[in-house]
Amino acid sequence: MSDDEVEYHQPNLSNIVQSSWQFANPPIYRGSTVFFDSYEAMSDENVPYVYGRWGTPTADAFCKAMTELEGGAGTIVTCSGLAAISTILLALTYPGSHVLIGESSFPAALRFCDEVLKKFGVIVEKFSGTDITKINEKILPSTVLVYIDLPGSYGANFFNLLSIKKKSDKTYILVDNTWATPLFFNPLKYGADIVVHSTSKYIAGHSDSIMGCITVANLNLFQEIQNTSRALGQYAGADDLSLAIRGLKTLELRMRQHFDSALKIATWLTNHTAVEKVFYAALLSDENYQVWSKHFKGAGGVLTFFFKRAIEKNYPNFLNKLKIIKLGWGWGGYETLASASTINFGEYLGRIAIRLSVGLESTDNILKDLELSLKTL
């Protein structure tokens, strides 16, 4: 690349929706009804916009950008990340089909599999750990979907996707890429067929939007999932789409800061006497470091840690003492968030996990808040 060339990591969103007035951002199209100049135009199957739920220029701007970022054939938007996941599951499963999903996956996705899919005769099987050999043994000719959440509920699961062995051309690999974002990881380049995002998190980036999206590797699969999405009435509102477009423009800057700050905080927690274990793949000491460093360009800002058993019961004192760090569910916004949950699987069964979503405040201020709160244990 010559000195006068610029390497863009993101699409130039300003040019995706053409405007004769050259405004910096794509316009927000709020609308249901689309007007036509004639009956012939209204009957034209190739007309780009028919009804707001089926697409708008605002939606197209976002979908085009995400498709480019993930390297897919097309992107579908939904009203939430969970809606994106459930749409995929409903599109690809049928009675007697087999779904393989990690036990540390998004709890709401697990609940959908257990409470909805099973009622329709879908066989749902969970796998634990990251042993690819054991996972491959569970993949059957009837397996339609292998669902992988990277890095899982408490940050402990990373896989070499290229090592997953399908037994049918109708077996698809779905990866939740919300944690890494397309800037740090592109699952489709490593054998995944479908990528899902809760854009409510890093992509929108300000905790003021709820939306999801699905990016698909090939056009036939894209159309199959899109048909189900439309049949379910799935779509995203114009304002949420606009907030996601805005977020994409600053995504690289924000993700670099999330990553840099989270790594410093994870390292600091690892050395604290009150902490038993920190799960953050970018730590050199983390068991997932080798896989992460080989395939990822960076890490999200969410990490998990466990207190030592003798003081674990005092975790509410720690949470209540926090000042800069807020208590709340969700992650990926400006504010650093903390939450606690009981692990119901694996090595840490019954233990209290503290999840920290490192935000964009001063790293030193976050560390100071943690230091003062840890003194209450």
Protein backbone atom coordinates (compact mmCIF):
# COMPACT_ATOMS: atom_id res chain seq x y z
CA MET A 1 0.00 0.00 0.00
CA SER A 2 1.44 3.37 -1.00
CA ASP A 3 1.83 6.29 1.40
CA ASP A 4 -1.13 8.15 -0.09
CA GLU A 5 -3.54 5.21 0.27
CA VAL A 6 -5.75 4.72 3.32
CA GLU A 7 -6.63 1.26 4.61
CA TYR A 8 -10.24 1.36 5.80
CA HIS A 9 -11.27 -1.24 8.36
CA GLN A 10 -14.93 -0.26 8.00
CA PRO A 11 -17.16 0.59 5.03
CA ASN A 12 -17.66 4.26 4.28
CA LEU A 13 -21.23 4.43 5.51
CA SER A 14 -21.75 7.96 4.22
CA ASN A 15 -21.78 6.63 0.66
CA ILE A 16 -24.00 3.60 1.18
CA VAL A 17 -27.27 5.52 0.91
CA GLN A 18 -26.91 8.03 -1.89
CA SER A 19 -28.21 11.53 -1.21
CA SER A 20 -28.15 14.40 -3.65
CA TRP A 21 -27.52 16.72 -0.70
CA GLN A 22 -24.52 14.73 0.60
CA PHE A 23 -25.46 14.71 4.28
CA ALA A 24 -22.97 12.93 6.53
CA ASN A 25 -25.43 10.23 7.63
CA PRO A 26 -28.06 8.13 5.86
CA PRO A 27 -31.56 9.53 6.40
CA ILE A 28 -33.94 7.87 8.87
CA TYR A 29 -36.90 6.40 7.01
CA ARG A 30 -39.79 5.93 9.44
CA GLY A 31 -42.71 4.45 7.62
CA SER A 32 -45.02 1.55 6.94
CA THR A 33 -46.81 2.50 3.71
CA VAL A 34 -44.89 3.11 0.50
CA PHE A 35 -46.61 5.12 -2.27
CA PHE A 36 -46.51 4.05 -5.93
CA ASP A 37 -46.95 6.20 -9.02
CA SER A 38 -49.06 3.62 -10.85
CA TYR A 39 -50.70 0.22 -10.61
CA GLU A 40 -47.92 -1.14 -12.81
CA ALA A 41 -45.28 0.09 -10.36
CA MET A 42 -47.26 -1.33 -7.44
CA SER A 43 -47.41 -4.74 -9.16
CA ASP A 44 -43.71 -4.82 -10.04
CA GLU A 45 -42.06 -7.68 -8.11
CA ASN A 46 -38.67 -6.03 -8.53
CA VAL A 47 -39.56 -2.72 -6.90
CA PRO A 48 -37.05 -2.17 -4.04
CA TYR A 49 -39.50 -1.05 -1.34
CA VAL A 50 -43.04 -2.35 -0.88
CA TYR A 51 -43.85 -1.97 2.82
CA GLY A 52 -41.76 -0.71 5.73
CA ARG A 53 -41.50 -4.09 7.45
CA TRP A 54 -39.93 -5.55 4.32
CA GLY A 55 -37.17 -2.99 4.08
CA THR A 56 -36.23 0.68 3.92
CA PRO A 57 -33.17 2.59 2.75
CA THR A 58 -32.14 2.94 6.42
CA ALA A 59 -32.26 -0.83 6.88
CA ASP A 60 -30.38 -1.37 3.63
CA ALA A 61 -27.61 0.97 4.76
CA PHE A 62 -27.04 -1.01 7.94
CA CYS A 63 -27.39 -4.43 6.29
CA LYS A 64 -24.95 -3.52 3.53
CA ALA A 65 -22.38 -2.39 6.10
CA MET A 66 -22.71 -5.51 8.27
CA THR A 67 -22.54 -7.80 5.25
CA GLU A 68 -19.31 -6.12 4.20
CA LEU A 69 -17.83 -6.21 7.70
CA GLU A 70 -18.60 -9.92 8.21
CA GLY A 71 -17.85 -10.96 4.63
CA GLY A 72 -21.25 -12.55 4.03
CA ALA A 73 -23.88 -12.76 1.29
CA GLY A 74 -26.55 -10.79 3.12
CA THR A 75 -27.79 -9.49 6.46
CA ILE A 76 -31.22 -9.64 8.11
CA VAL A 77 -32.27 -7.32 10.94
CA THR A 78 -34.55 -8.24 13.85
CA CYS A 79 -36.05 -6.51 16.86
CA SER A 80 -33.47 -7.99 19.28
CA GLY A 81 -30.51 -10.33 19.50
CA LEU A 82 -32.71 -13.09 20.92
CA ALA A 83 -35.16 -12.56 18.05
CA ALA A 84 -32.28 -13.10 15.62
CA ILE A 85 -31.32 -16.36 17.35
CA SER A 86 -34.89 -17.68 17.54
CA THR A 87 -35.50 -16.79 13.88
CA ILE A 88 -32.50 -18.87 12.81
CA LEU A 89 -33.56 -21.80 14.98
CA LEU A 90 -37.11 -21.75 13.63
CA ALA A 91 -35.88 -21.41 10.05
CA LEU A 92 -33.62 -24.45 10.11
CA THR A 93 -35.18 -26.97 12.49
CA TYR A 94 -38.02 -29.47 12.01
CA PRO A 95 -39.40 -32.45 13.98
CA GLY A 96 -36.64 -34.99 14.50
CA SER A 97 -33.82 -32.61 13.62
CA HIS A 98 -30.90 -32.25 16.01
CA VAL A 99 -29.46 -29.04 17.47
CA LEU A 100 -26.14 -29.01 19.31
CA ILE A 101 -25.62 -26.05 21.62
CA GLY A 102 -22.98 -25.21 24.23
CA GLU A 103 -24.21 -25.35 27.83
CA SER A 104 -22.52 -21.98 28.48
CA SER A 105 -24.39 -20.27 25.64
CA PHE A 106 -26.66 -17.24 26.05
CA PRO A 107 -29.19 -18.39 28.71
CA ALA A 108 -32.18 -17.01 26.79
CA ALA A 109 -31.14 -19.05 23.72
CA LEU A 110 -30.89 -22.18 25.85
CA ARG A 111 -34.32 -21.46 27.29
CA PHE A 112 -35.77 -21.04 23.79
CA CYS A 113 -34.34 -24.41 22.78
CA ASP A 114 -35.68 -26.15 25.89
CA GLU A 115 -39.08 -24.47 26.12
CA VAL A 116 -39.98 -23.92 22.46
CA LEU A 117 -38.01 -26.14 20.07
CA LYS A 118 -38.52 -29.31 22.09
CA LYS A 119 -42.30 -28.81 21.92
CA PHE A 120 -42.02 -29.11 18.13
CA GLY A 121 -40.08 -32.36 18.27
CA VAL A 122 -36.61 -30.89 17.82
CA ILE A 123 -33.87 -32.82 19.62
CA VAL A 124 -31.71 -30.41 21.60
CA GLU A 125 -28.37 -31.64 22.94
CA LYS A 126 -25.91 -29.60 24.98
CA PHE A 127 -22.15 -29.93 24.95
CA SER A 128 -19.67 -28.82 27.58
CA GLY A 129 -16.12 -27.58 27.35
CA THR A 130 -14.04 -26.91 24.27
CA ASP A 131 -12.80 -30.39 23.36
CA ILE A 132 -13.45 -30.45 19.61
CA THR A 133 -13.10 -34.24 19.43
CA LYS A 134 -15.93 -34.71 21.92
CA ILE A 135 -18.05 -32.08 20.18
CA ASN A 136 -17.53 -33.73 16.79
CA GLU A 137 -18.65 -37.06 18.28
CA LYS A 138 -22.00 -35.45 19.08
CA ILE A 139 -22.58 -34.15 15.54
CA LEU A 140 -25.04 -36.47 13.76
CA PRO A 141 -26.28 -36.74 10.16
CA SER A 142 -29.52 -35.21 11.52
CA THR A 143 -27.72 -32.26 13.11
CA VAL A 144 -29.00 -29.09 11.46
CA LEU A 145 -27.28 -26.55 13.68
CA VAL A 146 -24.18 -26.32 15.85
CA TYR A 147 -24.63 -23.22 17.99
CA ILE A 148 -21.43 -21.66 19.33
CA ASP A 149 -21.40 -18.63 21.60
CA LEU A 150 -17.94 -17.07 21.67
CA PRO A 151 -16.84 -16.86 24.45
CA GLY A 152 -19.90 -18.21 26.32
CA SER A 153 -21.60 -17.05 29.49
CA TYR A 154 -18.50 -16.58 31.58
CA GLY A 155 -15.84 -16.22 28.93
CA ALA A 156 -14.43 -19.72 29.09
CA ASN A 157 -15.17 -21.18 25.65
CA PHE A 158 -13.11 -20.61 22.52
CA PHE A 159 -13.04 -23.01 19.59
CA ASN A 160 -11.07 -23.57 16.43
CA LEU A 161 -14.08 -23.50 14.11
CA LEU A 162 -12.09 -25.10 11.30
CA SER A 163 -11.87 -28.30 13.37
CA ILE A 164 -15.62 -28.86 13.51
CA LYS A 165 -16.57 -31.81 11.29
CA LYS A 166 -20.01 -31.75 9.65
CA LYS A 167 -21.69 -35.01 8.67
CA SER A 168 -24.16 -33.42 6.26
CA ASP A 169 -24.27 -30.48 3.89
CA LYS A 170 -27.43 -29.48 5.78
CA THR A 171 -25.50 -28.99 9.02
CA TYR A 172 -24.83 -25.31 9.69
CA ILE A 173 -22.53 -23.62 12.17
CA LEU A 174 -23.97 -20.59 13.93
CA VAL A 175 -21.65 -18.26 15.86
CA ASP A 176 -22.71 -15.48 18.20
CA ASN A 177 -20.06 -12.85 17.48
CA THR A 178 -21.42 -10.10 19.72
CA TRP A 179 -18.43 -10.14 22.10
CA ALA A 180 -15.68 -9.77 19.49
CA THR A 181 -17.59 -7.79 16.82
CA PRO A 182 -16.58 -8.04 13.14
CA LEU A 183 -13.54 -5.88 13.86
CA PHE A 184 -11.85 -8.52 15.99
CA PHE A 185 -13.20 -11.76 14.50
CA ASN A 186 -14.94 -12.91 11.32
CA PRO A 187 -16.47 -16.38 11.89
CA LEU A 188 -17.49 -16.83 8.25
CA LYS A 189 -13.81 -16.89 7.30
CA TYR A 190 -13.28 -19.82 9.67
CA GLY A 191 -16.06 -22.10 8.52
CA ALA A 192 -19.18 -20.66 10.15
CA ASP A 193 -22.32 -20.43 8.02
CA ILE A 194 -24.25 -17.87 10.06
CA VAL A 195 -23.21 -15.02 12.36
CA VAL A 196 -25.57 -13.41 14.83
CA HIS A 197 -25.19 -10.15 16.77
CA SER A 198 -27.06 -8.41 19.49
CA THR A 199 -26.44 -4.95 18.07
CA SER A 200 -27.74 -3.60 21.39
CA LYS A 201 -24.24 -4.25 22.70
CA TYR A 202 -21.04 -2.99 21.04
CA ILE A 203 -22.40 -2.14 17.61
CA ALA A 204 -24.91 0.46 18.81
CA GLY A 205 -22.65 0.99 21.78
CA HIS A 206 -24.60 3.38 24.02
CA SER A 207 -27.16 1.20 25.84
CA ASP A 208 -30.02 3.02 24.12
CA SER A 209 -31.09 0.55 21.43
CA ILE A 210 -32.42 -3.01 21.23
CA MET A 211 -31.84 -4.78 17.92
CA GLY A 212 -30.29 -7.89 16.40
CA CYS A 213 -28.92 -8.98 13.06
CA ILE A 214 -28.05 -12.14 11.15
CA THR A 215 -25.32 -12.32 8.50
CA VAL A 216 -25.26 -15.41 6.30
CA ALA A 217 -22.45 -16.91 4.24
CA ASN A 218 -24.36 -17.90 1.09
CA LEU A 219 -27.37 -16.56 -0.75
CA ASN A 220 -29.55 -19.70 -0.63
CA LEU A 221 -29.26 -19.97 3.14
CA PHE A 222 -29.79 -16.23 3.47
CA GLN A 223 -33.06 -16.45 1.53
CA GLU A 224 -34.24 -19.41 3.63
CA ILE A 225 -33.70 -17.51 6.88
CA GLN A 226 -35.07 -14.28 5.42
CA ASN A 227 -38.30 -16.05 4.43
CA THR A 228 -38.79 -17.22 8.02
CA SER A 229 -37.92 -13.79 9.36
CA ARG A 230 -40.59 -12.20 7.18
CA ALA A 231 -43.13 -14.90 8.06
CA LEU A 232 -42.55 -14.14 11.75
CA GLY A 233 -42.97 -10.41 11.18
CA GLN A 234 -39.42 -9.70 12.29
CA TYR A 235 -37.93 -6.30 11.68
CA ALA A 236 -36.11 -3.43 13.33
CA GLY A 237 -37.34 0.13 13.78
CA ALA A 238 -35.84 3.05 11.90
CA ASP A 239 -34.46 4.71 15.01
CA ASP A 240 -32.69 1.57 16.23
CA LEU A 241 -31.24 1.10 12.76
CA SER A 242 -29.99 4.67 12.76
CA LEU A 243 -28.38 4.23 16.18
CA ALA A 244 -26.65 1.08 14.95
CA ILE A 245 -25.35 2.91 11.87
CA ARG A 246 -24.05 5.69 14.10
CA GLY A 247 -22.39 3.08 16.31
CA LEU A 248 -20.61 1.42 13.40
CA LYS A 249 -18.82 4.66 12.62
CA THR A 250 -17.12 4.76 16.02
CA LEU A 251 -16.90 1.00 16.57
CA GLU A 252 -13.18 0.70 15.94
CA LEU A 253 -12.26 3.51 18.33
CA ARG A 254 -14.54 2.19 21.05
CA MET A 255 -13.48 -1.45 20.72
CA ARG A 256 -9.79 -0.55 20.98
CA GLN A 257 -10.51 1.26 24.25
CA HIS A 258 -12.73 -1.54 25.61
CA PHE A 259 -10.00 -4.06 24.81
CA ASP A 260 -7.11 -2.03 26.19
CA SER A 261 -8.92 -1.21 29.41
CA ALA A 262 -10.33 -4.71 29.96
CA LEU A 263 -6.92 -6.33 29.54
CA LYS A 264 -5.38 -4.02 32.13
CA ILE A 265 -8.22 -4.67 34.56
CA ALA A 266 -8.15 -8.44 33.99
CA THR A 267 -4.41 -8.47 34.64
CA TRP A 268 -4.88 -6.43 37.82
CA LEU A 269 -7.65 -8.74 39.08
CA THR A 270 -5.53 -11.82 38.38
CA ASN A 271 -2.96 -10.53 40.85
CA HIS A 272 -5.46 -9.56 43.57
CA THR A 273 -5.49 -11.69 46.72
CA ALA A 274 -9.31 -11.84 46.86
CA VAL A 275 -9.67 -13.29 43.36
CA GLU A 276 -9.46 -17.00 42.62
CA LYS A 277 -9.86 -16.98 38.84
CA VAL A 278 -10.29 -14.52 35.98
CA PHE A 279 -11.68 -15.58 32.61
CA TYR A 280 -10.45 -13.31 29.82
CA ALA A 281 -8.97 -14.92 26.71
CA ALA A 282 -6.49 -12.10 26.04
CA LEU A 283 -4.64 -12.91 29.27
CA LEU A 284 -1.45 -14.82 28.53
CA SER A 285 -2.29 -17.15 31.43
CA ASP A 286 -5.80 -17.96 30.15
CA GLU A 287 -6.35 -21.50 28.86
CA ASN A 288 -8.03 -20.08 25.76
CA TYR A 289 -5.19 -17.71 24.91
CA GLN A 290 -3.67 -19.87 22.16
CA VAL A 291 -6.92 -20.21 20.20
CA TRP A 292 -7.84 -16.56 20.79
CA SER A 293 -4.44 -15.18 19.75
CA LYS A 294 -4.40 -17.28 16.57
CA HIS A 295 -7.84 -16.27 15.26
CA PHE A 296 -8.83 -12.98 16.92
CA LYS A 297 -7.50 -9.46 16.34
CA GLY A 298 -8.67 -8.22 19.73
CA ALA A 299 -11.06 -8.94 22.57
CA GLY A 300 -14.33 -7.55 23.82
CA GLY A 301 -14.53 -5.74 27.13
CA VAL A 302 -16.53 -8.37 29.05
CA LEU A 303 -14.66 -10.51 31.56
CA THR A 304 -15.68 -12.78 34.43
CA PHE A 305 -14.01 -13.50 37.74
CA PHE A 306 -14.59 -15.60 40.85
CA PHE A 307 -13.75 -14.68 44.42
CA LYS A 308 -11.95 -17.14 46.63
CA ARG A 309 -14.40 -19.53 48.29
CA ALA A 310 -13.81 -18.24 51.81
CA ILE A 311 -15.08 -14.76 50.92
CA GLU A 312 -17.38 -15.50 48.00
CA LYS A 313 -20.53 -15.15 50.14
CA ASN A 314 -19.67 -11.48 50.69
CA TYR A 315 -20.05 -10.58 47.01
CA PRO A 316 -23.12 -8.32 47.65
CA ASN A 317 -20.89 -6.08 49.80
CA PHE A 318 -18.50 -5.71 46.88
CA LEU A 319 -21.27 -4.86 44.42
CA ASN A 320 -23.01 -2.41 46.75
CA LYS A 321 -19.79 -0.48 47.39
CA LEU A 322 -19.14 0.25 43.70
CA LYS A 323 -19.56 3.90 42.71
CA ILE A 324 -18.26 4.46 39.18
CA ILE A 325 -19.14 0.95 38.09
CA LYS A 326 -22.91 0.58 37.73
CA LEU A 327 -25.01 -2.47 38.54
CA GLY A 328 -27.03 -3.58 35.56
CA TRP A 329 -27.73 -6.31 33.01
CA GLY A 330 -26.46 -6.04 29.47
CA TRP A 331 -23.08 -4.84 28.29
CA GLY A 332 -21.25 -3.07 25.49
CA GLY A 333 -22.11 0.52 26.33
CA TYR A 334 -20.16 3.51 27.63
CA GLU A 335 -20.66 2.69 31.31
CA THR A 336 -18.80 -0.09 33.10
CA LEU A 337 -21.34 -2.59 34.44
CA ALA A 338 -21.13 -5.32 37.08
CA SER A 339 -23.50 -8.19 37.79
CA ALA A 340 -23.46 -11.48 39.68
CA SER A 341 -24.97 -14.83 38.77
CA THR A 342 -24.84 -18.42 39.95
CA ILE A 343 -23.16 -20.79 37.51
CA ASN A 344 -25.35 -23.84 36.80
CA PHE A 345 -22.94 -25.99 34.79
CA GLY A 346 -19.37 -27.24 34.58
CA GLU A 347 -16.41 -26.84 36.87
CA TYR A 348 -17.85 -23.79 38.64
CA LEU A 349 -21.29 -25.28 39.29
CA GLY A 350 -22.97 -23.39 42.14
CA ARG A 351 -20.31 -20.70 42.28
CA ILE A 352 -20.96 -16.95 42.05
CA ALA A 353 -19.55 -15.38 38.88
CA ILE A 354 -18.94 -11.64 38.78
CA ARG A 355 -19.31 -10.30 35.26
CA LEU A 356 -17.62 -7.04 34.45
CA SER A 357 -18.41 -5.19 31.24
CA VAL A 358 -15.57 -2.70 31.02
CA GLY A 359 -16.76 0.60 29.60
CA LEU A 360 -15.09 3.70 28.27
CA GLU A 361 -14.40 5.58 31.49
CA SER A 362 -10.85 6.19 32.68
CA THR A 363 -9.15 2.85 33.31
CA ASP A 364 -7.50 4.26 36.43
CA ASN A 365 -10.87 5.33 37.83
CA ILE A 366 -12.36 1.88 37.22
CA LEU A 367 -9.39 0.24 38.94
CA LYS A 368 -9.70 2.59 41.90
CA ASP A 369 -13.39 1.76 42.24
CA LEU A 370 -12.60 -1.97 42.18
CA GLU A 371 -9.79 -1.56 44.69
CA LEU A 372 -11.98 0.27 47.22
CA SER A 373 -14.88 -2.15 46.80
CA LEU A 374 -12.69 -5.23 47.20
CA LYS A 375 -11.65 -3.97 50.62
CA THR A 376 -15.19 -4.71 51.87
CA LEU A 377 -14.72 -8.47 51.46
